[in-house]
Amino acid sequence: MSSDSHTWNLVFLQLLLEEMGHDVTNLGACVPDEMLVQECAALRPDLVVISTVNGHGHADGKRLIGKVRARPETRHTPVVIGGKLGITGGTQATASHELVMAGFDAVFQDDADPAALGRFLDTLEPAPNTREPGQDVLERGPDVLEPGPDVLEPAS
């Protein structure tokens, strides 16, 4: 998220994805929306992982996914978000639902089990070979997915 500045959790998430066998392009903390969209259009990743720890995930995520889905090159790129979605208690389920309706392919709440991300990754079809080797997963924003089973995915 453009407003998130935590970097250690970004590194942890990158290592987790790499341990699962994915190549990661880590754009770092506080990446502007436009930069993320431009990088996605250029790299054509198999997945974009957005993470947040500061509680702005719901508002920032809705704004960001609108920009990702508006561009033809990124319209169908799988995008997930995880972490602390809001700053008020009890709104996680509502926020998750709204983020899926806005265009995210899955939402991992801040208490999600890290294995849930792996299970989601297993469901993805490999993208056509439209990018350079090693550009499988584009990861942005800081967060570590913590233990818990809650993952919201769109209904098929």
C-alpha atoms as a PDB file:
ATOM      1  CA  MET A   1       0.000   0.000   0.000  1.00  0.00           C
ATOM      2  CA  SER A   2       1.206   3.467  -0.734  1.00  0.00           C
ATOM      3  CA  SER A   3       0.724   4.407   2.929  1.00  0.00           C
ATOM      4  CA  ASP A   4       2.468   1.344   4.447  1.00  0.00           C
ATOM      5  CA  SER A   5       6.125   1.668   5.388  1.00  0.00           C
ATOM      6  CA  HIS A   6       6.962  -1.565   7.230  1.00  0.00           C
ATOM      7  CA  THR A   7       9.706  -3.518   5.478  1.00  0.00           C
ATOM      8  CA  TRP A   8      10.522  -6.510   7.664  1.00  0.00           C
ATOM      9  CA  ASN A   9       7.154  -8.123   6.999  1.00  0.00           C
ATOM     10  CA  LEU A  10       7.699  -7.570   3.271  1.00  0.00           C
ATOM     11  CA  VAL A  11      10.932  -9.518   3.463  1.00  0.00           C
ATOM     12  CA  PHE A  12       9.236 -12.302   5.427  1.00  0.00           C
ATOM     13  CA  LEU A  13       6.446 -12.551   2.873  1.00  0.00           C
ATOM     14  CA  GLN A  14       8.979 -12.598   0.041  1.00  0.00           C
ATOM     15  CA  LEU A  15      10.894 -15.432   1.729  1.00  0.00           C
ATOM     16  CA  LEU A  16       7.661 -17.359   2.306  1.00  0.00           C
ATOM     17  CA  LEU A  17       6.727 -17.095  -1.379  1.00  0.00           C
ATOM     18  CA  GLU A  18      10.236 -18.057  -2.461  1.00  0.00           C
ATOM     19  CA  GLU A  19      10.161 -21.098  -0.151  1.00  0.00           C
ATOM     20  CA  MET A  20       6.961 -22.100  -1.964  1.00  0.00           C
ATOM     21  CA  GLY A  21       8.983 -22.068  -5.191  1.00  0.00           C
ATOM     22  CA  HIS A  22       7.992 -18.689  -6.634  1.00  0.00           C
ATOM     23  CA  ASP A  23      10.193 -15.958  -8.021  1.00  0.00           C
ATOM     24  CA  VAL A  24       9.389 -12.626  -6.388  1.00  0.00           C
ATOM     25  CA  THR A  25       9.827  -9.053  -7.523  1.00  0.00           C
ATOM     26  CA  ASN A  26       9.583  -7.021  -4.331  1.00  0.00           C
ATOM     27  CA  LEU A  27       8.744  -3.391  -5.084  1.00  0.00           C
ATOM     28  CA  GLY A  28       9.320  -2.342  -1.476  1.00  0.00           C
ATOM     29  CA  ALA A  29       7.275  -0.276   0.929  1.00  0.00           C
ATOM     30  CA  CYS A  30       5.123   2.768   0.152  1.00  0.00           C
ATOM     31  CA  VAL A  31       4.889   2.057  -3.571  1.00  0.00           C
ATOM     32  CA  PRO A  32       2.617   4.550  -5.353  1.00  0.00           C
ATOM     33  CA  ASP A  33      -0.414   2.993  -7.070  1.00  0.00           C
ATOM     34  CA  GLU A  34       0.680   4.174 -10.501  1.00  0.00           C
ATOM     35  CA  MET A  35       4.104   2.544 -10.117  1.00  0.00           C
ATOM     36  CA  LEU A  36       2.538  -0.776  -9.133  1.00  0.00           C
ATOM     37  CA  VAL A  37       0.216  -0.701 -12.137  1.00  0.00           C
ATOM     38  CA  GLN A  38       3.084   0.215 -14.486  1.00  0.00           C
ATOM     39  CA  GLU A  39       5.277  -2.592 -13.114  1.00  0.00           C
ATOM     40  CA  CYS A  40       2.429  -5.093 -13.450  1.00  0.00           C
ATOM     41  CA  ALA A  41       1.839  -4.046 -17.052  1.00  0.00           C
ATOM     42  CA  ALA A  42       5.543  -4.395 -17.832  1.00  0.00           C
ATOM     43  CA  LEU A  43       6.299  -7.613 -15.905  1.00  0.00           C
ATOM     44  CA  ARG A  44       3.003  -9.463 -16.403  1.00  0.00           C
ATOM     45  CA  PRO A  45       3.249 -11.400 -13.110  1.00  0.00           C
ATOM     46  CA  ASP A  46       1.293 -14.575 -12.405  1.00  0.00           C
ATOM     47  CA  LEU A  47       0.088 -12.978  -9.172  1.00  0.00           C
ATOM     48  CA  VAL A  48       0.249  -9.667  -7.322  1.00  0.00           C
ATOM     49  CA  VAL A  49       0.330  -9.849  -3.528  1.00  0.00           C
ATOM     50  CA  ILE A  50      -0.703  -6.676  -1.708  1.00  0.00           C
ATOM     51  CA  SER A  51      -0.111  -6.575   2.020  1.00  0.00           C
ATOM     52  CA  THR A  52      -0.862  -4.039   4.701  1.00  0.00           C
ATOM     53  CA  VAL A  53      -0.153  -3.670   8.406  1.00  0.00           C
ATOM     54  CA  ASN A  54      -1.360  -0.167   9.208  1.00  0.00           C
ATOM     55  CA  GLY A  55      -5.121  -0.660   8.901  1.00  0.00           C
ATOM     56  CA  HIS A  56      -5.535   1.224   5.621  1.00  0.00           C
ATOM     57  CA  GLY A  57      -5.880  -1.945   3.533  1.00  0.00           C
ATOM     58  CA  HIS A  58      -9.597  -1.597   2.969  1.00  0.00           C
ATOM     59  CA  ALA A  59      -9.571   1.986   1.694  1.00  0.00           C
ATOM     60  CA  ASP A  60      -6.205   1.857  -0.068  1.00  0.00           C
ATOM     61  CA  GLY A  61      -6.950  -1.577  -1.509  1.00  0.00           C
ATOM     62  CA  LYS A  62     -10.233  -0.506  -3.084  1.00  0.00           C
ATOM     63  CA  ARG A  63      -8.544   2.467  -4.710  1.00  0.00           C
ATOM     64  CA  LEU A  64      -5.601   0.386  -5.950  1.00  0.00           C
ATOM     65  CA  ILE A  65      -7.596  -2.529  -7.378  1.00  0.00           C
ATOM     66  CA  GLY A  66      -9.730  -0.079  -9.348  1.00  0.00           C
ATOM     67  CA  LYS A  67      -6.586   1.203 -11.044  1.00  0.00           C
ATOM     68  CA  VAL A  68      -5.270  -2.313 -11.690  1.00  0.00           C
ATOM     69  CA  ARG A  69      -8.566  -3.494 -13.189  1.00  0.00           C
ATOM     70  CA  ALA A  70      -8.954  -0.333 -15.311  1.00  0.00           C
ATOM     71  CA  ARG A  71      -5.847  -1.018 -17.387  1.00  0.00           C
ATOM     72  CA  PRO A  72      -6.214  -3.614 -20.193  1.00  0.00           C
ATOM     73  CA  GLU A  73      -2.762  -5.150 -19.549  1.00  0.00           C
ATOM     74  CA  THR A  74      -3.525  -5.803 -15.887  1.00  0.00           C
ATOM     75  CA  ARG A  75      -7.278  -6.316 -15.958  1.00  0.00           C
ATOM     76  CA  HIS A  76      -7.031 -10.127 -15.595  1.00  0.00           C
ATOM     77  CA  THR A  77      -3.903 -10.352 -13.437  1.00  0.00           C
ATOM     78  CA  PRO A  78      -4.711 -12.246 -10.228  1.00  0.00           C
ATOM     79  CA  VAL A  79      -4.393  -9.870  -7.256  1.00  0.00           C
ATOM     80  CA  VAL A  80      -4.721 -10.765  -3.572  1.00  0.00           C
ATOM     81  CA  ILE A  81      -4.550  -8.612  -0.466  1.00  0.00           C
ATOM     82  CA  GLY A  82      -3.801  -9.555   3.107  1.00  0.00           C
ATOM     83  CA  GLY A  83      -3.158  -8.076   6.498  1.00  0.00           C
ATOM     84  CA  LYS A  84      -4.831  -5.485   8.651  1.00  0.00           C
ATOM     85  CA  LEU A  85      -7.668  -4.193   6.529  1.00  0.00           C
ATOM     86  CA  GLY A  86      -9.150  -1.621   8.909  1.00  0.00           C
ATOM     87  CA  ILE A  87      -8.665   0.217  12.152  1.00  0.00           C
ATOM     88  CA  THR A  88     -11.994  -0.590  13.780  1.00  0.00           C
ATOM     89  CA  GLY A  89     -12.786  -3.973  15.290  1.00  0.00           C
ATOM     90  CA  GLY A  90     -15.341  -6.313  13.802  1.00  0.00           C
ATOM     91  CA  THR A  91     -15.249  -5.030  10.218  1.00  0.00           C
ATOM     92  CA  GLN A  92     -12.874  -7.617   8.719  1.00  0.00           C
ATOM     93  CA  ALA A  93     -15.607  -9.770   7.133  1.00  0.00           C
ATOM     94  CA  THR A  94     -17.357  -6.762   5.626  1.00  0.00           C
ATOM     95  CA  ALA A  95     -14.082  -5.262   4.424  1.00  0.00           C
ATOM     96  CA  SER A  96     -13.037  -8.593   2.900  1.00  0.00           C
ATOM     97  CA  HIS A  97     -16.311  -8.935   1.039  1.00  0.00           C
ATOM     98  CA  GLU A  98     -16.084  -5.372  -0.295  1.00  0.00           C
ATOM     99  CA  LEU A  99     -12.509  -5.944  -1.485  1.00  0.00           C
ATOM    100  CA  VAL A 100     -13.519  -9.096  -3.377  1.00  0.00           C
ATOM    101  CA  MET A 101     -16.445  -7.227  -4.912  1.00  0.00           C
ATOM    102  CA  ALA A 102     -14.046  -4.428  -5.910  1.00  0.00           C
ATOM    103  CA  GLY A 103     -11.898  -6.897  -7.859  1.00  0.00           C
ATOM    104  CA  PHE A 104      -9.464  -8.771  -5.610  1.00  0.00           C
ATOM    105  CA  ASP A 105      -9.216 -12.489  -6.315  1.00  0.00           C
ATOM    106  CA  ALA A 106      -8.778 -13.345  -2.627  1.00  0.00           C
ATOM    107  CA  VAL A 107      -8.506 -11.573   0.717  1.00  0.00           C
ATOM    108  CA  PHE A 108      -6.397 -12.927   3.570  1.00  0.00           C
ATOM    109  CA  GLN A 109      -7.335 -11.413   6.903  1.00  0.00           C
ATOM    110  CA  ASP A 110      -4.603 -10.552   9.390  1.00  0.00           C
ATOM    111  CA  ASP A 111      -5.070 -13.839  11.248  1.00  0.00           C
ATOM    112  CA  ALA A 112      -4.897 -16.010   8.110  1.00  0.00           C
ATOM    113  CA  ASP A 113      -2.721 -19.126   8.140  1.00  0.00           C
ATOM    114  CA  PRO A 114       0.283 -18.641   5.809  1.00  0.00           C
ATOM    115  CA  ALA A 115      -0.591 -22.027   4.287  1.00  0.00           C
ATOM    116  CA  ALA A 116      -3.829 -20.461   3.009  1.00  0.00           C
ATOM    117  CA  LEU A 117      -1.784 -18.390   0.576  1.00  0.00           C
ATOM    118  CA  GLY A 118      -0.067 -21.553  -0.616  1.00  0.00           C
ATOM    119  CA  ARG A 119      -3.420 -23.258  -1.142  1.00  0.00           C
ATOM    120  CA  PHE A 120      -4.613 -20.265  -3.146  1.00  0.00           C
ATOM    121  CA  LEU A 121      -1.431 -20.307  -5.250  1.00  0.00           C
ATOM    122  CA  ASP A 122      -2.077 -23.985  -6.019  1.00  0.00           C
ATOM    123  CA  THR A 123      -5.409 -23.036  -7.611  1.00  0.00           C
ATOM    124  CA  LEU A 124      -3.893 -20.571 -10.081  1.00  0.00           C
ATOM    125  CA  GLU A 125      -3.413 -21.575 -13.679  1.00  0.00           C
ATOM    126  CA  PRO A 126      -0.012 -20.663 -15.096  1.00  0.00           C
ATOM    127  CA  ALA A 127      -0.234 -17.485 -17.158  1.00  0.00           C
ATOM    128  CA  PRO A 128       0.737 -17.557 -20.817  1.00  0.00           C
ATOM    129  CA  ASN A 129       4.454 -16.969 -21.341  1.00  0.00           C
ATOM    130  CA  THR A 130       4.178 -13.196 -21.764  1.00  0.00           C
ATOM    131  CA  ARG A 131       7.056 -12.072 -19.533  1.00  0.00           C
ATOM    132  CA  GLU A 132      10.704 -12.706 -18.836  1.00  0.00           C
ATOM    133  CA  PRO A 133      11.626 -15.826 -16.810  1.00  0.00           C
ATOM    134  CA  GLY A 134      11.721 -15.235 -13.071  1.00  0.00           C
ATOM    135  CA  GLN A 135       8.793 -12.824 -12.933  1.00  0.00           C
ATOM    136  CA  ASP A 136       6.203 -15.072 -11.319  1.00  0.00           C
ATOM    137  CA  VAL A 137       4.984 -13.192  -8.283  1.00  0.00           C
ATOM    138  CA  LEU A 138       4.936  -9.442  -7.776  1.00  0.00           C
ATOM    139  CA  GLU A 139       4.736  -8.556  -4.120  1.00  0.00           C
ATOM    140  CA  ARG A 140       3.964  -5.137  -2.700  1.00  0.00           C
ATOM    141  CA  GLY A 141       3.228  -3.745   0.680  1.00  0.00           C
ATOM    142  CA  PRO A 142       4.293  -5.019   4.081  1.00  0.00           C
ATOM    143  CA  ASP A 143       2.620  -7.762   6.003  1.00  0.00           C
ATOM    144  CA  VAL A 144       2.996 -11.256   7.220  1.00  0.00           C
ATOM    145  CA  LEU A 145      -0.051 -13.484   7.155  1.00  0.00           C
ATOM    146  CA  GLU A 146      -0.511 -14.788  10.668  1.00  0.00           C
ATOM    147  CA  PRO A 147      -2.105 -18.086  11.776  1.00  0.00           C
ATOM    148  CA  GLY A 148      -5.844 -18.426  11.215  1.00  0.00           C
ATOM    149  CA  PRO A 149      -8.131 -19.974   8.597  1.00  0.00           C
ATOM    150  CA  ASP A 150      -9.953 -16.938   7.218  1.00  0.00           C
ATOM    151  CA  VAL A 151      -9.569 -16.429   3.503  1.00  0.00           C
ATOM    152  CA  LEU A 152     -12.315 -14.928   1.375  1.00  0.00           C
ATOM    153  CA  GLU A 153     -12.395 -15.784  -2.297  1.00  0.00           C
ATOM    154  CA  PRO A 154     -14.954 -14.836  -4.917  1.00  0.00           C
ATOM    155  CA  ALA A 155     -17.727 -17.326  -5.482  1.00  0.00           C
ATOM    156  CA  SER A 156     -17.202 -19.382  -8.617  1.00  0.00           C
END
